[in-house]
Amino acid sequence: MSRTVTACVVLCIAIGCAQEEPVRPTVAQIEAGPLSYIRDGQTRRDQITAKLGKPTGEFESRRIVTYHMYCRFDDAFAVQRGGSMSYGQSWGFATHQLVLVFDDRQVLVRHSLIEIRR
């Protein structure tokens, strides 16, 4: 009986180790999916704020804003809440940073989604 239990434990460990680790969505997949509404030269600041909430960071008189985001393996994503963070504060579980640059009319000039590697 002891050998049967040991064999079952070894088999379970082997099966668990053999499973593939889920692959995190790529930047291109996230931009084509949940962030597909963001378009340089078209999207307004208020449209982005309505969907993502208050930015995590604001720079150059709010011309540049950033969002710390967590993108899960199942294509879901969440914005790290808590308002603006000062330099050096924790990134928590953030996996990506969305950087947005706006013009004087509050229209998006350019954006970049950056993967945070740990």
Protein backbone atom coordinates (compact mmCIF):
# COMPACT_ATOMS: atom_id res chain seq x y z
CA MET A 1 0.00 0.00 0.00
CA SER A 2 2.84 2.37 0.79
CA ARG A 3 4.32 1.83 -2.68
CA THR A 4 0.95 2.63 -4.27
CA VAL A 5 0.69 5.92 -2.38
CA THR A 6 4.28 6.82 -3.23
CA ALA A 7 3.69 5.96 -6.90
CA CYS A 8 0.55 8.15 -6.97
CA VAL A 9 2.42 11.08 -5.41
CA VAL A 10 5.30 10.74 -7.89
CA LEU A 11 2.82 10.51 -10.78
CA CYS A 12 0.96 13.64 -9.62
CA ILE A 13 4.22 15.58 -9.31
CA ALA A 14 5.31 14.44 -12.78
CA ILE A 15 1.98 15.48 -14.32
CA GLY A 16 2.12 18.85 -12.57
CA CYS A 17 5.63 19.53 -13.82
CA ALA A 18 4.73 18.50 -17.35
CA GLN A 19 1.97 21.10 -17.71
CA GLU A 20 2.91 24.10 -19.77
CA GLU A 21 3.04 27.45 -18.05
CA PRO A 22 0.46 29.84 -19.50
CA VAL A 23 1.86 32.44 -21.86
CA ARG A 24 1.25 36.08 -20.99
CA PRO A 25 -0.40 38.04 -23.82
CA THR A 26 2.00 40.01 -25.98
CA VAL A 27 1.97 43.80 -26.23
CA ALA A 28 0.51 43.46 -29.74
CA GLN A 29 -2.31 41.25 -28.46
CA ILE A 30 -3.18 43.69 -25.67
CA GLU A 31 -3.11 46.68 -28.03
CA ALA A 32 -5.29 44.83 -30.55
CA GLY A 33 -7.68 43.68 -27.82
CA PRO A 34 -8.52 45.63 -24.66
CA LEU A 35 -6.65 48.78 -25.74
CA SER A 36 -7.77 48.79 -29.38
CA TYR A 37 -9.73 52.02 -28.87
CA ILE A 38 -6.48 53.95 -28.28
CA ARG A 39 -5.43 55.60 -31.54
CA ASP A 40 -2.69 58.18 -31.95
CA GLY A 41 -4.02 61.44 -33.39
CA GLN A 42 -7.65 60.49 -32.65
CA THR A 43 -8.32 59.45 -29.07
CA ARG A 44 -9.01 62.21 -26.54
CA ARG A 45 -7.80 62.27 -22.94
CA ASP A 46 -11.36 62.14 -21.57
CA GLN A 47 -12.07 58.94 -23.55
CA ILE A 48 -9.06 57.22 -22.02
CA THR A 49 -9.80 58.49 -18.51
CA ALA A 50 -13.40 57.28 -18.83
CA LYS A 51 -12.15 53.74 -19.53
CA LEU A 52 -8.98 53.53 -17.43
CA GLY A 53 -9.64 55.98 -14.58
CA LYS A 54 -7.10 58.27 -12.93
CA PRO A 55 -3.55 57.83 -14.26
CA THR A 56 -0.89 56.26 -12.07
CA GLY A 57 1.55 59.04 -12.99
CA GLU A 58 1.42 62.51 -14.56
CA PHE A 59 4.41 64.43 -15.93
CA GLU A 60 5.21 67.69 -17.75
CA SER A 61 2.07 69.51 -16.60
CA ARG A 62 -0.08 66.43 -17.30
CA ARG A 63 1.04 66.30 -20.95
CA ILE A 64 2.42 62.81 -20.33
CA VAL A 65 0.44 60.30 -18.29
CA THR A 66 1.15 56.71 -17.34
CA TYR A 67 -0.89 53.76 -16.20
CA HIS A 68 0.51 50.73 -14.39
CA MET A 69 -1.39 47.74 -15.70
CA TYR A 70 -1.69 44.08 -14.85
CA CYS A 71 -2.33 41.83 -17.84
CA ARG A 72 -3.31 38.28 -16.96
CA PHE A 73 -2.85 35.09 -18.90
CA ASP A 74 -6.55 34.96 -19.84
CA ASP A 75 -6.38 38.27 -21.75
CA ALA A 76 -8.00 40.22 -18.91
CA PHE A 77 -6.29 43.34 -17.69
CA ALA A 78 -6.62 45.76 -14.82
CA VAL A 79 -5.23 49.20 -14.08
CA GLN A 80 -3.36 49.50 -10.81
CA ARG A 81 -5.50 51.78 -8.66
CA GLY A 82 -4.50 54.22 -6.00
CA GLY A 83 -3.98 57.39 -7.98
CA SER A 84 -0.64 58.95 -8.71
CA MET A 85 2.44 57.32 -7.30
CA SER A 86 5.68 59.10 -6.60
CA TYR A 87 8.98 57.84 -7.95
CA GLY A 88 10.18 54.73 -6.19
CA GLN A 89 6.82 53.51 -4.93
CA SER A 90 5.88 49.90 -5.45
CA TRP A 91 4.79 48.70 -8.87
CA GLY A 92 2.73 46.05 -7.12
CA PHE A 93 1.67 43.40 -9.59
CA ALA A 94 2.04 45.62 -12.67
CA THR A 95 3.13 43.74 -15.78
CA HIS A 96 2.95 46.68 -18.22
CA GLN A 97 3.16 50.45 -18.25
CA LEU A 98 1.03 52.43 -20.68
CA VAL A 99 2.61 55.79 -21.55
CA LEU A 100 0.42 58.42 -23.27
CA VAL A 101 1.49 61.79 -24.67
CA PHE A 102 -1.17 64.43 -25.36
CA ASP A 103 -1.13 67.71 -27.28
CA ASP A 104 -2.58 71.06 -26.16
CA ARG A 105 -6.02 70.02 -27.46
CA GLN A 106 -5.93 66.90 -25.23
CA VAL A 107 -5.68 64.59 -28.25
CA LEU A 108 -3.29 61.65 -28.05
CA VAL A 109 -0.09 62.31 -29.97
CA ARG A 110 1.52 58.92 -29.34
CA HIS A 111 1.42 56.04 -26.90
CA SER A 112 3.51 53.07 -25.92
CA LEU A 113 2.72 49.91 -23.96
CA ILE A 114 5.85 48.66 -22.26
CA GLU A 115 6.21 45.20 -20.77
CA ILE A 116 7.79 45.17 -17.32
CA ARG A 117 10.24 42.31 -17.03
CA ARG A 118 11.03 41.00 -13.58
